[in-house]
N, C-alpha and C. Protein backbone atom coordinates (compact mmCIF):
# COMPACT_ATOMS: atom_id res chain seq x y z
N MET A 1 47.33 87.28 60.90
CA MET A 1 46.46 87.91 62.52
C MET A 1 46.36 89.47 62.23
N SER A 2 45.52 90.02 62.22
CA SER A 2 45.71 91.31 62.29
C SER A 2 46.83 92.14 63.31
N ALA A 3 47.64 92.61 62.90
CA ALA A 3 48.37 93.40 64.28
C ALA A 3 48.30 94.09 65.04
N SER A 4 48.77 94.07 66.34
CA SER A 4 48.57 94.66 67.54
C SER A 4 49.57 94.77 68.29
N ARG A 5 50.28 96.22 68.38
CA ARG A 5 51.54 96.05 68.88
C ARG A 5 51.94 96.15 69.93
N THR A 6 50.50 96.66 70.83
CA THR A 6 50.63 96.08 72.37
C THR A 6 49.82 95.82 72.94
N GLY A 7 49.71 95.60 73.74
CA GLY A 7 49.01 94.37 74.59
C GLY A 7 49.64 92.85 75.02
N PRO A 8 48.51 92.37 75.49
CA PRO A 8 49.78 91.04 76.30
C PRO A 8 49.71 89.89 75.01
N LEU A 9 50.82 89.17 74.62
CA LEU A 9 50.64 88.03 73.72
C LEU A 9 50.32 86.93 74.63
N VAL A 10 48.96 86.53 73.30
CA VAL A 10 47.74 85.30 73.86
C VAL A 10 48.13 84.06 72.91
N SER A 11 48.43 83.11 73.84
CA SER A 11 49.21 81.55 72.88
C SER A 11 47.51 80.87 72.90
N ILE A 12 47.65 80.37 71.35
CA ILE A 12 46.47 80.20 70.83
C ILE A 12 47.60 78.07 70.75
N VAL A 13 46.70 77.67 71.51
CA VAL A 13 47.04 75.96 71.28
C VAL A 13 46.00 74.94 70.59
N VAL A 14 47.12 74.84 69.79
CA VAL A 14 45.72 73.65 69.35
C VAL A 14 46.13 72.31 68.86
N PRO A 15 45.25 71.23 70.18
CA PRO A 15 45.53 69.75 70.29
C PRO A 15 45.06 69.21 68.49
N VAL A 16 45.91 68.65 67.48
CA VAL A 16 45.40 68.00 66.44
C VAL A 16 45.82 66.70 65.97
N LEU A 17 45.11 65.48 65.58
CA LEU A 17 45.47 64.37 65.50
C LEU A 17 44.74 63.40 64.37
N ASP A 18 45.38 63.76 63.13
CA ASP A 18 44.78 63.39 61.89
C ASP A 18 43.88 64.10 61.50
N GLU A 19 44.00 65.70 61.41
CA GLU A 19 43.32 66.53 61.23
C GLU A 19 43.44 67.62 59.46
N ALA A 20 44.67 66.40 58.82
CA ALA A 20 45.23 67.32 57.52
C ALA A 20 43.96 67.86 56.92
N VAL A 21 42.65 67.67 56.90
CA VAL A 21 41.21 68.18 56.46
C VAL A 21 41.02 69.78 56.87
N ALA A 22 41.25 69.13 58.12
CA ALA A 22 40.71 70.58 59.08
C ALA A 22 42.06 71.90 59.30
N ILE A 23 43.05 71.55 59.05
CA ILE A 23 44.34 72.20 59.45
C ILE A 23 44.36 73.54 58.67
N PRO A 24 44.44 73.32 57.76
CA PRO A 24 44.58 74.47 56.39
C PRO A 24 43.15 75.65 57.00
N ALA A 25 42.00 75.48 56.70
CA ALA A 25 40.75 75.93 56.65
C ALA A 25 41.11 76.57 58.65
N LEU A 26 41.58 75.80 59.30
CA LEU A 26 41.51 76.64 60.87
C LEU A 26 42.92 77.51 60.62
N LEU A 27 44.03 77.59 60.38
CA LEU A 27 45.19 78.17 60.37
C LEU A 27 44.48 79.55 59.25
N ASP A 28 43.83 79.17 58.23
CA ASP A 28 43.56 80.54 57.74
C ASP A 28 42.72 81.37 58.27
N ASP A 29 42.08 80.74 59.20
CA ASP A 29 41.05 81.78 59.83
C ASP A 29 41.77 82.08 61.26
N LEU A 30 42.37 81.55 61.82
CA LEU A 30 43.31 82.01 62.93
C LEU A 30 44.58 83.45 62.38
N ALA A 31 44.48 83.22 61.37
CA ALA A 31 45.41 84.24 60.26
C ALA A 31 44.89 85.43 60.00
N GLU A 32 43.39 85.55 60.03
CA GLU A 32 42.56 86.67 60.07
C GLU A 32 41.90 87.71 61.19
N LEU A 33 42.11 86.37 62.12
CA LEU A 33 41.90 87.45 63.61
C LEU A 33 42.53 88.74 64.34
N TYR A 34 42.15 89.41 64.92
CA TYR A 34 43.24 90.61 65.46
C TYR A 34 43.76 90.21 66.48
N GLY A 35 44.75 91.11 66.71
CA GLY A 35 45.19 91.11 68.13
C GLY A 35 46.77 90.39 67.61
N ARG A 36 46.65 90.35 68.82
CA ARG A 36 48.57 89.95 69.42
C ARG A 36 48.53 88.12 69.19
N PHE A 37 48.70 87.80 68.76
CA PHE A 37 47.93 86.08 69.00
C PHE A 37 49.61 85.60 68.30
N GLU A 38 50.14 83.86 68.93
CA GLU A 38 50.98 83.25 68.36
C GLU A 38 49.77 81.72 68.33
N VAL A 39 50.59 81.35 67.13
CA VAL A 39 49.69 79.53 67.35
C VAL A 39 51.01 78.31 67.66
N VAL A 40 50.40 78.01 68.32
CA VAL A 40 51.51 76.40 69.13
C VAL A 40 49.76 75.04 68.69
N VAL A 41 50.66 74.36 67.52
CA VAL A 41 50.20 73.17 67.05
C VAL A 41 50.55 71.85 67.75
N ALA A 42 49.76 71.28 68.51
CA ALA A 42 50.58 70.23 69.21
C ALA A 42 49.96 68.95 68.58
N ASP A 43 50.63 68.30 68.18
CA ASP A 43 50.77 66.99 67.25
C ASP A 43 50.85 65.55 67.95
N GLY A 44 49.62 65.08 67.72
CA GLY A 44 49.49 63.68 68.49
C GLY A 44 50.15 62.67 68.39
N GLY A 45 50.77 62.69 66.69
CA GLY A 45 51.48 61.25 66.29
C GLY A 45 50.68 60.94 65.21
N SER A 46 50.10 62.26 64.38
CA SER A 46 49.51 62.08 63.13
C SER A 46 49.90 61.07 62.35
N ARG A 47 48.87 60.16 61.35
CA ARG A 47 49.36 59.29 60.56
C ARG A 47 49.56 60.56 59.01
N ASP A 48 48.74 61.25 59.12
CA ASP A 48 48.23 61.94 57.79
C ASP A 48 49.24 63.09 58.18
N ALA A 49 49.15 64.07 57.43
CA ALA A 49 49.69 65.40 57.15
C ALA A 49 49.98 66.55 57.64
N SER A 50 49.32 66.07 59.03
CA SER A 50 48.44 67.27 59.60
C SER A 50 50.00 67.91 60.34
N ALA A 51 50.74 67.58 60.48
CA ALA A 51 52.09 68.22 61.16
C ALA A 51 52.81 69.37 60.27
N GLU A 52 52.47 68.62 59.17
CA GLU A 52 53.66 69.14 57.85
C GLU A 52 52.93 70.34 57.41
N MET A 53 51.65 69.89 57.03
CA MET A 53 50.70 71.44 56.98
C MET A 53 50.65 72.38 57.82
N ALA A 54 50.95 71.81 58.86
CA ALA A 54 50.83 73.33 60.04
C ALA A 54 52.59 73.64 59.48
N ARG A 55 53.35 73.36 59.63
CA ARG A 55 54.78 73.72 59.46
C ARG A 55 55.11 74.48 58.29
N GLU A 56 54.07 74.17 57.09
CA GLU A 56 54.41 74.74 55.84
C GLU A 56 53.34 75.97 55.62
N HIS A 57 52.43 76.09 56.77
CA HIS A 57 50.97 77.34 56.20
C HIS A 57 51.89 78.68 56.86
N PRO A 58 51.37 79.71 55.97
CA PRO A 58 51.81 80.80 55.87
C PRO A 58 51.85 81.63 57.64
N LEU A 59 51.24 81.00 58.30
CA LEU A 59 51.05 82.12 59.55
C LEU A 59 51.99 81.05 60.35
N GLY A 60 52.79 80.26 60.18
CA GLY A 60 54.13 80.09 60.25
C GLY A 60 53.59 79.13 61.66
N PRO A 61 53.14 78.39 62.55
CA PRO A 61 52.90 78.31 63.60
C PRO A 61 53.81 77.33 64.62
N ARG A 62 54.21 77.57 65.49
CA ARG A 62 54.93 76.47 66.28
C ARG A 62 54.66 75.02 65.82
N VAL A 63 55.47 74.19 66.00
CA VAL A 63 54.83 72.80 65.91
C VAL A 63 55.42 71.77 67.26
N VAL A 64 54.63 70.89 67.56
CA VAL A 64 55.00 70.04 69.09
C VAL A 64 54.73 68.98 68.71
N THR A 65 55.24 68.15 69.07
CA THR A 65 54.76 66.97 69.10
C THR A 65 54.63 66.12 70.75
N ALA A 66 53.63 65.20 70.70
CA ALA A 66 53.42 64.43 72.41
C ALA A 66 51.99 63.91 72.18
N ARG A 67 52.24 62.47 72.46
CA ARG A 67 51.17 61.41 71.97
C ARG A 67 50.38 61.31 73.76
N GLY A 68 48.46 61.68 73.26
CA GLY A 68 47.60 61.89 73.90
C GLY A 68 47.38 63.25 74.62
N ARG A 69 46.11 63.54 74.61
CA ARG A 69 45.52 65.01 74.24
C ARG A 69 45.78 65.48 75.47
N ALA A 70 45.85 65.27 76.57
CA ALA A 70 46.48 66.01 77.77
C ALA A 70 47.80 66.76 77.65
N ARG A 71 48.91 65.17 77.14
CA ARG A 71 50.20 65.54 77.14
C ARG A 71 50.39 66.48 75.61
N GLN A 72 49.45 66.40 74.62
CA GLN A 72 49.69 67.32 73.81
C GLN A 72 49.49 68.83 74.21
N LEU A 73 48.42 69.18 74.61
CA LEU A 73 48.03 70.67 75.94
C LEU A 73 49.35 70.94 76.74
N ASN A 74 49.88 70.06 77.44
CA ASN A 74 50.94 70.33 78.37
C ASN A 74 51.77 71.23 77.44
N ALA A 75 52.47 70.23 76.04
CA ALA A 75 53.39 70.07 75.07
C ALA A 75 53.59 71.39 74.70
N GLY A 76 52.16 71.83 74.17
CA GLY A 76 51.66 72.94 73.42
C GLY A 76 51.73 74.55 74.50
N ALA A 77 51.29 74.14 75.49
CA ALA A 77 51.80 74.84 76.56
C ALA A 77 52.88 75.39 76.88
N GLY A 78 53.77 74.38 77.01
CA GLY A 78 55.07 74.48 77.34
C GLY A 78 55.80 75.49 76.44
N ALA A 79 55.52 75.26 74.92
CA ALA A 79 56.14 75.82 74.12
C ALA A 79 55.40 77.64 73.53
N ALA A 80 55.02 77.87 74.34
CA ALA A 80 54.01 78.74 74.12
C ALA A 80 54.68 79.88 74.72
N ARG A 81 54.88 81.05 74.54
CA ARG A 81 55.42 82.46 75.36
C ARG A 81 54.43 83.35 75.97
N GLY A 82 53.05 83.00 75.79
CA GLY A 82 51.80 84.19 76.29
C GLY A 82 51.57 84.10 77.07
N GLU A 83 51.19 85.33 77.96
CA GLU A 83 50.48 85.77 78.73
C GLU A 83 49.58 85.07 79.66
N ALA A 84 48.57 84.20 78.47
CA ALA A 84 47.26 83.92 78.37
C ALA A 84 47.21 82.70 77.37
N LEU A 85 46.52 81.41 77.68
CA LEU A 85 47.10 80.07 77.40
C LEU A 85 45.51 80.67 76.44
N VAL A 86 44.98 80.02 75.27
CA VAL A 86 44.04 79.33 74.32
C VAL A 86 44.07 78.22 73.90
N PHE A 87 43.10 77.19 74.36
CA PHE A 87 43.55 75.57 73.99
C PHE A 87 42.15 75.46 73.07
N LEU A 88 42.41 75.63 71.77
CA LEU A 88 41.46 75.72 70.88
C LEU A 88 41.13 74.16 69.35
N HIS A 89 40.18 73.59 70.16
CA HIS A 89 39.87 72.50 69.23
C HIS A 89 40.04 72.56 67.51
N ALA A 90 40.56 71.60 66.76
CA ALA A 90 40.78 71.96 65.59
C ALA A 90 39.42 72.21 64.62
N ASP A 91 37.72 72.12 65.25
CA ASP A 91 36.79 71.97 64.54
C ASP A 91 36.30 73.28 65.22
N THR A 92 36.85 73.93 66.28
CA THR A 92 35.96 75.66 66.83
C THR A 92 37.05 76.70 66.23
N ARG A 93 35.83 77.66 65.71
CA ARG A 93 36.62 79.13 65.59
C ARG A 93 36.46 79.95 66.63
N LEU A 94 37.12 81.00 66.81
CA LEU A 94 37.13 81.97 67.55
C LEU A 94 36.61 82.85 67.05
N PRO A 95 35.50 83.97 67.76
CA PRO A 95 34.99 84.89 67.46
C PRO A 95 36.65 86.10 67.08
N TYR A 96 36.12 86.73 65.61
CA TYR A 96 36.79 87.80 65.69
C TYR A 96 37.76 88.69 66.75
N ASP A 97 36.70 89.40 67.33
CA ASP A 97 37.46 90.09 68.53
C ASP A 97 37.90 89.73 69.87
N ALA A 98 38.11 88.23 69.54
CA ALA A 98 38.23 87.35 70.79
C ALA A 98 39.40 87.75 71.75
N TYR A 99 40.56 88.71 70.94
CA TYR A 99 41.69 89.25 71.49
C TYR A 99 40.88 90.50 72.72
N THR A 100 40.22 91.46 71.91
CA THR A 100 39.59 92.41 72.78
C THR A 100 38.79 91.81 74.05
N SER A 101 38.47 90.36 73.54
CA SER A 101 37.91 89.93 75.24
C SER A 101 38.41 89.50 76.08
N LEU A 102 39.44 88.92 75.35
CA LEU A 102 40.37 88.26 76.30
C LEU A 102 41.71 89.33 77.39
N CYS A 103 41.79 90.57 76.50
CA CYS A 103 42.32 91.72 77.02
C CYS A 103 41.81 92.41 78.08
N ARG A 104 40.26 92.36 77.91
CA ARG A 104 39.51 92.93 78.88
C ARG A 104 39.49 92.49 80.26
N ALA A 105 39.86 90.67 80.20
CA ALA A 105 39.08 90.03 80.89
C ALA A 105 40.42 89.92 82.18
N LEU A 106 41.97 90.37 81.21
CA LEU A 106 42.71 90.15 81.45
C LEU A 106 43.38 91.37 82.53
N ARG A 107 43.07 92.22 82.23
CA ARG A 107 42.87 93.63 83.06
C ARG A 107 42.33 93.26 84.80
N ASP A 108 41.29 92.47 84.93
CA ASP A 108 40.94 92.28 86.08
C ASP A 108 41.96 90.92 86.48
N HIS A 109 42.75 91.36 87.42
CA HIS A 109 43.40 90.34 88.28
C HIS A 109 43.00 89.30 88.89
N GLU A 110 41.52 89.30 89.21
CA GLU A 110 40.78 88.93 89.88
C GLU A 110 40.13 86.73 88.92
N ILE A 111 40.34 87.41 87.86
CA ILE A 111 39.57 86.52 86.78
C ILE A 111 41.21 85.75 86.04
N VAL A 112 41.13 84.55 86.70
CA VAL A 112 42.13 83.32 86.26
C VAL A 112 41.82 82.51 85.00
N GLY A 113 40.50 82.74 84.36
CA GLY A 113 40.65 81.99 82.98
C GLY A 113 39.10 81.76 82.78
N GLY A 114 38.68 81.28 81.94
CA GLY A 114 37.45 80.43 81.69
C GLY A 114 37.14 80.24 80.35
N ASN A 115 35.97 80.64 79.81
CA ASN A 115 36.17 80.01 78.19
C ASN A 115 35.25 81.16 77.46
N PHE A 116 34.90 80.70 76.32
CA PHE A 116 33.92 81.49 75.10
C PHE A 116 32.85 80.72 75.00
N ALA A 117 31.60 81.96 74.90
CA ALA A 117 30.59 81.11 74.82
C ALA A 117 29.93 80.45 73.56
N LEU A 118 29.53 79.60 73.51
CA LEU A 118 29.50 78.47 72.12
C LEU A 118 28.23 78.67 71.29
N ARG A 119 28.63 77.96 70.15
CA ARG A 119 27.69 78.18 69.56
C ARG A 119 27.66 76.71 68.16
N PHE A 120 26.79 75.90 67.91
CA PHE A 120 27.14 74.83 67.38
C PHE A 120 26.68 75.12 65.78
N ASP A 121 27.46 74.79 64.67
CA ASP A 121 26.96 75.71 63.66
C ASP A 121 25.97 74.90 63.10
N GLY A 122 25.45 75.22 61.88
CA GLY A 122 24.02 74.35 60.93
C GLY A 122 23.07 75.74 61.40
N GLY A 123 22.84 75.99 62.64
CA GLY A 123 21.72 76.52 62.28
C GLY A 123 20.47 76.47 62.49
N ASP A 124 20.32 74.72 62.73
CA ASP A 124 19.20 74.02 62.34
C ASP A 124 18.69 73.88 64.16
N ARG A 125 17.51 73.05 64.42
CA ARG A 125 17.26 72.93 65.60
C ARG A 125 18.33 72.18 66.31
N PHE A 126 18.53 71.54 65.99
CA PHE A 126 19.58 70.42 67.14
C PHE A 126 20.62 71.16 67.53
N SER A 127 20.98 72.13 66.35
CA SER A 127 22.28 72.98 66.75
C SER A 127 22.09 74.05 67.71
N ARG A 128 20.98 74.37 67.39
CA ARG A 128 20.48 75.80 68.37
C ARG A 128 20.33 74.85 69.91
N ALA A 129 19.43 73.35 69.59
CA ALA A 129 18.93 73.07 71.40
C ALA A 129 20.40 72.55 72.04
N LEU A 130 21.38 72.26 71.26
CA LEU A 130 22.78 71.71 71.59
C LEU A 130 23.12 73.24 72.37
N GLY A 131 23.37 74.30 71.53
CA GLY A 131 23.89 75.37 72.05
C GLY A 131 23.40 75.97 73.64
N ALA A 132 21.62 75.71 73.46
CA ALA A 132 20.90 76.31 74.45
C ALA A 132 21.53 75.45 75.93
N TRP A 133 21.91 73.66 75.79
CA TRP A 133 21.78 73.44 76.73
C TRP A 133 23.27 73.41 77.34
N TYR A 134 24.24 73.53 75.96
CA TYR A 134 25.65 73.82 76.84
C TYR A 134 25.35 75.69 77.31
N ALA A 135 24.98 76.49 77.30
CA ALA A 135 24.78 77.75 77.90
C ALA A 135 24.16 77.62 79.52
N VAL A 136 23.06 76.22 79.29
CA VAL A 136 22.41 76.38 80.50
C VAL A 136 24.17 75.70 81.69
N GLN A 137 24.57 74.43 80.86
CA GLN A 137 25.47 74.10 81.79
C GLN A 137 26.69 74.64 82.40
N ARG A 138 26.63 75.66 81.31
CA ARG A 138 28.03 77.00 81.30
C ARG A 138 27.60 77.59 82.87
N ARG A 139 26.38 78.02 83.33
CA ARG A 139 25.80 79.21 84.23
C ARG A 139 25.86 78.30 85.75
N LEU A 140 25.83 76.98 85.20
CA LEU A 140 26.20 75.91 86.68
C LEU A 140 27.75 75.85 86.53
N GLY A 141 28.76 76.29 85.76
CA GLY A 141 30.05 76.36 86.27
C GLY A 141 30.85 74.82 85.34
N ILE A 142 29.75 74.30 84.33
CA ILE A 142 30.31 73.60 83.76
C ILE A 142 30.70 73.31 82.16
N TYR A 143 31.79 73.31 82.07
CA TYR A 143 32.06 73.39 80.55
C TYR A 143 33.14 72.54 80.17
N TYR A 144 33.53 72.61 78.73
CA TYR A 144 34.70 72.00 78.01
C TYR A 144 35.27 72.34 77.50
N GLY A 145 36.00 71.22 76.72
CA GLY A 145 37.03 72.13 75.63
C GLY A 145 36.72 72.60 74.39
N ASP A 146 35.54 71.99 73.95
CA ASP A 146 35.30 72.67 72.91
C ASP A 146 34.98 74.01 72.63
N SER A 147 34.83 74.24 73.87
CA SER A 147 34.37 75.75 74.34
C SER A 147 35.60 76.81 74.08
N ALA A 148 36.62 76.55 73.50
CA ALA A 148 38.01 77.72 73.82
C ALA A 148 38.35 77.80 75.26
N VAL A 149 38.66 76.84 76.31
CA VAL A 149 39.38 76.96 77.78
C VAL A 149 40.39 78.28 77.47
N TRP A 150 39.91 79.40 78.37
CA TRP A 150 41.83 80.04 77.83
C TRP A 150 41.88 79.81 80.21
N VAL A 151 43.42 80.06 79.74
CA VAL A 151 43.77 80.59 80.96
C VAL A 151 45.24 81.44 81.36
N ARG A 152 45.03 81.83 82.35
CA ARG A 152 46.22 82.78 82.72
C ARG A 152 47.69 82.00 82.67
N ARG A 153 48.82 82.09 82.40
CA ARG A 153 49.94 81.09 82.25
C ARG A 153 50.25 81.12 83.73
N GLY A 154 50.25 81.82 84.65
CA GLY A 154 50.19 81.58 85.91
C GLY A 154 49.84 80.53 86.93
N THR A 155 48.46 80.80 86.31
CA THR A 155 47.09 79.86 87.19
C THR A 155 47.36 78.56 86.10
N PHE A 156 47.62 78.16 85.08
CA PHE A 156 47.82 77.45 84.40
C PHE A 156 49.15 76.00 85.29
N GLU A 157 50.41 77.35 85.13
CA GLU A 157 51.28 76.51 86.14
C GLU A 157 51.17 76.05 87.32
N ALA A 158 50.16 77.03 88.29
CA ALA A 158 50.10 76.78 89.33
C ALA A 158 49.20 75.57 89.38
N LEU A 159 48.31 75.07 88.67
CA LEU A 159 47.20 74.34 88.45
C LEU A 159 48.10 72.75 87.91
N GLY A 160 49.25 72.97 87.80
CA GLY A 160 50.11 71.47 87.12
C GLY A 160 49.34 71.22 85.87
N GLY A 161 48.52 72.30 84.98
CA GLY A 161 48.72 71.51 83.81
C GLY A 161 47.03 70.83 83.43
N TYR A 162 47.46 70.02 82.37
CA TYR A 162 46.08 69.10 82.51
C TYR A 162 46.94 67.65 82.69
N ARG A 163 45.48 67.20 83.42
CA ARG A 163 46.30 65.14 83.83
C ARG A 163 45.47 64.45 82.92
N ASP A 164 47.16 63.69 83.02
CA ASP A 164 47.10 62.18 81.79
C ASP A 164 45.87 61.42 82.17
N LEU A 165 44.82 61.85 81.51
CA LEU A 165 43.22 61.25 81.66
C LEU A 165 42.78 60.29 80.31
N ALA A 166 42.24 59.22 80.21
CA ALA A 166 41.78 58.73 79.51
C ALA A 166 40.69 59.62 78.65
N ILE A 167 39.90 60.20 79.62
CA ILE A 167 39.22 60.99 79.48
C ILE A 167 38.56 61.78 80.19
N MET A 168 37.48 63.07 79.80
CA MET A 168 37.22 64.53 81.19
C MET A 168 38.65 64.89 81.49
N ASP A 169 39.99 64.76 80.74
CA ASP A 169 40.63 66.07 80.88
C ASP A 169 40.54 67.04 81.12
N ASP A 170 39.41 67.52 80.24
CA ASP A 170 39.12 68.97 79.69
C ASP A 170 38.21 69.78 81.24
N TYR A 171 37.34 68.45 81.41
CA TYR A 171 36.58 68.83 82.60
C TYR A 171 37.11 68.66 83.85
N ASP A 172 38.24 67.87 84.33
CA ASP A 172 39.01 67.77 85.08
C ASP A 172 39.58 69.46 85.41
N PHE A 173 40.14 69.58 84.64
CA PHE A 173 40.93 70.93 84.37
C PHE A 173 40.28 72.21 84.79
N VAL A 174 38.90 72.18 84.22
CA VAL A 174 37.85 73.12 84.60
C VAL A 174 37.51 72.85 85.81
N ARG A 175 37.52 71.71 86.41
CA ARG A 175 37.14 72.06 87.97
C ARG A 175 38.04 72.47 88.74
N ARG A 176 39.17 72.43 88.41
CA ARG A 176 40.56 72.85 89.19
C ARG A 176 40.43 74.12 89.19
N LEU A 177 40.27 74.48 87.71
CA LEU A 177 40.38 75.92 87.40
C LEU A 177 39.23 76.82 88.10
N GLU A 178 37.92 76.16 88.16
CA GLU A 178 36.39 76.74 88.77
C GLU A 178 36.86 76.96 90.38
N ARG A 179 37.83 76.45 91.01
CA ARG A 179 38.50 76.30 92.40
C ARG A 179 39.68 77.16 92.50
N ARG A 180 39.80 77.52 91.74
CA ARG A 180 41.15 78.73 91.95
C ARG A 180 40.50 80.23 91.90
N GLY A 181 39.94 80.39 91.62
CA GLY A 181 39.41 81.72 91.39
C GLY A 181 38.57 81.96 90.53
N ARG A 182 37.83 83.29 90.05
CA ARG A 182 36.70 83.31 89.49
C ARG A 182 36.92 83.55 87.79
N THR A 183 36.13 82.60 86.95
CA THR A 183 36.25 82.54 86.40
C THR A 183 35.04 83.34 84.83
N VAL A 184 35.33 83.73 83.81
CA VAL A 184 34.68 84.57 83.12
C VAL A 184 34.24 83.53 81.69
N CYS A 185 33.01 83.56 81.36
CA CYS A 185 32.52 82.97 79.96
C CYS A 185 32.26 84.44 78.95
N LEU A 186 33.78 84.12 77.97
CA LEU A 186 33.80 85.34 76.96
C LEU A 186 32.44 85.72 75.90
N PRO A 187 32.24 86.63 75.34
CA PRO A 187 31.64 87.03 74.44
C PRO A 187 32.05 86.40 73.39
N GLY A 188 31.12 86.21 72.37
CA GLY A 188 31.35 85.86 71.09
C GLY A 188 30.45 85.99 69.93
N PRO A 189 29.94 84.70 69.80
CA PRO A 189 30.66 83.30 69.96
C PRO A 189 31.54 82.59 69.87
N ALA A 190 32.16 81.64 70.23
CA ALA A 190 33.38 80.55 69.43
C ALA A 190 31.77 79.83 68.84
N VAL A 191 32.28 79.25 67.86
CA VAL A 191 31.01 78.59 67.08
C VAL A 191 32.67 76.81 66.73
N THR A 192 31.33 76.22 67.01
CA THR A 192 32.02 74.46 67.01
C THR A 192 30.82 73.52 66.23
N SER A 193 31.65 72.59 65.20
CA SER A 193 31.21 71.49 64.93
C SER A 193 29.63 70.61 65.21
N ALA A 194 28.76 70.55 65.06
CA ALA A 194 27.77 69.67 65.28
C ALA A 194 27.71 68.26 64.74
N ARG A 195 27.88 67.83 63.72
CA ARG A 195 28.44 67.08 62.70
C ARG A 195 28.58 65.83 64.05
N ARG A 196 29.80 65.57 64.45
CA ARG A 196 29.96 63.92 64.91
C ARG A 196 28.72 63.88 66.21
N TRP A 197 27.82 65.07 66.45
CA TRP A 197 26.92 65.06 67.59
C TRP A 197 25.19 64.60 66.82
N GLN A 198 25.31 64.91 65.54
CA GLN A 198 23.96 64.94 65.09
C GLN A 198 23.94 63.17 64.50
N ARG A 199 24.98 62.37 64.68
CA ARG A 199 24.62 60.89 64.12
C ARG A 199 24.12 60.65 65.06
N ILE A 200 24.05 61.06 66.39
CA ILE A 200 23.44 60.06 67.28
C ILE A 200 22.27 60.44 67.97
N GLY A 201 22.02 62.00 67.56
CA GLY A 201 21.10 62.53 68.12
C GLY A 201 20.89 63.32 69.15
N LEU A 202 20.04 64.25 69.54
CA LEU A 202 20.14 65.34 70.80
C LEU A 202 20.14 64.61 72.29
N GLY A 203 18.98 63.75 72.25
CA GLY A 203 18.75 63.40 73.28
C GLY A 203 19.68 62.43 74.25
N ARG A 204 20.37 61.35 73.15
CA ARG A 204 21.23 61.06 72.95
C ARG A 204 22.50 61.44 73.72
N THR A 205 22.76 62.75 73.12
CA THR A 205 24.35 63.52 72.79
C THR A 205 23.94 64.22 74.50
N ILE A 206 22.98 64.89 74.93
CA ILE A 206 23.07 65.24 76.39
C ILE A 206 23.18 63.98 76.81
N ALA A 207 22.20 63.17 77.18
CA ALA A 207 22.50 61.98 77.92
C ALA A 207 23.78 61.71 78.29
N SER A 208 24.66 61.43 76.86
CA SER A 208 25.91 61.16 77.25
C SER A 208 26.90 61.82 77.84
N TRP A 209 26.49 62.98 77.58
CA TRP A 209 27.15 64.48 78.87
C TRP A 209 27.10 64.35 79.83
N VAL A 210 25.47 64.06 80.24
CA VAL A 210 25.34 63.95 81.92
C VAL A 210 26.07 62.86 82.34
N VAL A 211 25.30 61.81 82.26
CA VAL A 211 25.75 60.50 82.36
C VAL A 211 27.52 60.18 82.67
N ILE A 212 28.03 60.21 81.29
CA ILE A 212 29.64 59.99 81.63
C ILE A 212 30.09 61.38 83.06
N ARG A 213 29.71 62.47 82.99
CA ARG A 213 30.02 63.36 83.94
C ARG A 213 29.84 62.62 85.10
N TRP A 214 29.10 62.46 85.89
CA TRP A 214 28.04 61.76 86.66
C TRP A 214 29.06 60.85 87.44
N LEU A 215 28.76 59.71 86.29
CA LEU A 215 29.96 58.70 86.84
C LEU A 215 30.91 59.03 86.89
N TYR A 216 31.90 60.08 86.36
CA TYR A 216 33.18 60.43 86.46
C TYR A 216 33.23 60.72 87.97
N LEU A 217 32.29 61.86 88.51
CA LEU A 217 32.14 62.36 89.99
C LEU A 217 32.52 61.38 91.01
N ALA A 218 31.40 60.47 90.44
CA ALA A 218 31.52 59.26 91.49
C ALA A 218 32.03 58.38 91.39
N GLY A 219 33.43 58.53 90.47
CA GLY A 219 34.68 57.64 90.82
C GLY A 219 35.14 56.48 89.93
N VAL A 220 34.12 56.48 88.89
CA VAL A 220 34.16 55.75 87.89
C VAL A 220 35.59 56.43 87.04
N SER A 221 36.79 54.95 87.10
CA SER A 221 37.73 55.30 86.14
C SER A 221 37.73 56.14 84.77
N PRO A 222 38.76 57.08 84.60
CA PRO A 222 38.18 57.41 83.16
C PRO A 222 38.51 56.16 81.91
N GLN A 223 39.66 55.09 82.20
CA GLN A 223 39.41 54.27 81.37
C GLN A 223 38.61 53.95 80.58
N ARG A 224 37.38 53.08 81.76
CA ARG A 224 36.15 52.70 81.86
C ARG A 224 35.35 53.35 81.15
N LEU A 225 35.14 54.79 81.37
CA LEU A 225 34.83 55.71 80.60
C LEU A 225 34.84 56.32 79.15
N SER A 226 36.45 55.47 79.17
CA SER A 226 36.83 56.20 77.62
C SER A 226 35.55 55.14 76.54
N ALA A 227 35.62 53.78 77.58
CA ALA A 227 35.09 52.94 76.50
C ALA A 227 33.31 53.16 76.29
N LEU A 228 32.87 53.73 77.57
CA LEU A 228 31.25 54.02 77.28
C LEU A 228 31.43 55.10 76.32
N TYR A 229 32.25 56.30 76.58
CA TYR A 229 32.22 57.25 75.33
C TYR A 229 32.08 57.15 74.11
N ARG A 230 33.02 55.82 73.92
CA ARG A 230 32.92 55.11 72.40
C ARG A 230 32.03 54.81 71.79
N THR A 231 31.31 53.99 72.60
CA THR A 231 30.14 53.57 72.35
C THR A 231 28.78 54.27 72.54
N ALA A 232 28.80 55.56 73.05
CA ALA A 232 27.84 56.57 72.99
C ALA A 232 28.21 57.11 71.63
N ARG A 233 28.58 57.46 70.90
CA ARG A 233 29.85 58.10 69.96
C ARG A 233 29.26 57.10 68.54
């Protein structure tokens, strides 16, 4: 990472599970970011070499282990030292100037957190349509973990971190964050992979997002929704 001797420390928490293929490129990318960052990799009990590869990477991330995504995120946050926490999926890339945007937001003490504007990679019609839909949702206060959710440490602790849910743990956290105070969608954009959604197509992808969210709001248990999500995928 490009050195920044002043400014708040920002912790990037990366939950991984069997991501040995993705880890080297992700950490290489994070090493190139400008700013005062630290990286914490939260491994979910990978059966491949994810944890070992993270420990051996020149970036030198802190590595913690916990099973279950919410527990991984909470364990990573617990090991972090930063004033702000950024929760980053292994297939998402932050913009080079993410630190500048975060520092600007942190100077406004009414802002408690938020996410980054999101673009799906590929540049094709599918990816552009998916990104446009995501932008519409964000204007309604709806966003998920793939858009690099960030939060002040004090706010994260006040909210009690992520709840241990089978699915929708990120959306549950975002809903509580939105009620806690003002949030912002930082520019960028962050870039995430569209490949996992291309297999099922645009209509089915958006339908699965909308249907699962509304079923969750209607009180359907996360365990049942988890089975539905796997079917949709």
